[in-house]
């Protein structure tokens, strides 16, 4: 993500907003990634969930086929640390009733008090974590 510009951020944000609004308008569903993914394991309505997740995976691959560079994530930690962090994120999103996309994008747009509180907690926790890891632990 070295070529992030205000224009690319604006276009990306607009596309995310358009996609979440279309999902809400056409299916009545909220585009929370953790809820959609979690529903694959326990829900009977898997078809739209599989299509949504497949779209998330296919979009960068299609962009790469069209000649756009496929971004490689820069992970300073080992794969084990990333896997453990992902597990904690998964547990946290289930405990919080959603993730940043569900609460932050969809919930705030609907003026949900629960999502406003959850997103504020996400942001405070993220700032504290970065401060501790980068400054407290000498990273």
Foldseek 3Di string as FASTA:
>chain_A
DVPDDPVVVVVVVVVLLVVQVCCCVVPVDGPFLLVLVVCCVPPPPVPVSVVVVVCVVVVLVVVVVVPDDRDDDDDPDDPVVVVVVVVVQSVVQVVLVGDCRRLVRVVVVVVNPSSVVVNVVVVVVVVVVCCCVVPVVVD
